[in-house]
């Protein structure tokens, strides 16, 4: 017989799954039982910060308009202006949707990051004992508005594929205070 999950060879008395898979299953079940919320934070949408974030786009837009006006293509200039404002509107809308759908919930034994917007829906669970590092960084526009991006790195592999081993929450308000609270909840990292 083989394990139904990993395919490892089993003895007849072992059942349907191996001891490693059963242990992992038990850990996941124990994590699901932890429902006592300690702290929660999320991504925010700050229009001023977003306006500053796209400053390079504004310079490209202004140069494009000046070149089009110099060639006396008025219809092209008007269509370019309309297209630019439509692009900025779409970018702001997408950022707002991601901000509304991103939350991080700290429980007694785990941290859960949920991201939901449009067709994108993910949940990353990291036990406190598996957290390798928690840090933040700020771009210039974020510094002006007291915001930053929080990154949580795990020591080992997570239950889902991620770009890096952990998760990132962009545009967290009062990021240094949130990081301090997370440090108190998680405790000292090895």
Foldseek 3Di string as FASTA:
>chain_A
DAAPPPGHDDDPVCPRHHPVVVVVVVVVVVVVVFDAWDDKFAAAQDPQLLVVVCVVVVVVLVVVLVVCVVVVVVVVSVVSVVVSVVVSVVVSVQSHQQRVAWMWTDTLFWIWIWTDGDPDTDIWIDGLLFWADKDWDDDPSCVVQQWIKIWTAGNDATPDDDPHRGDIGGGTHNVVVVVVVVCVSSDDHD
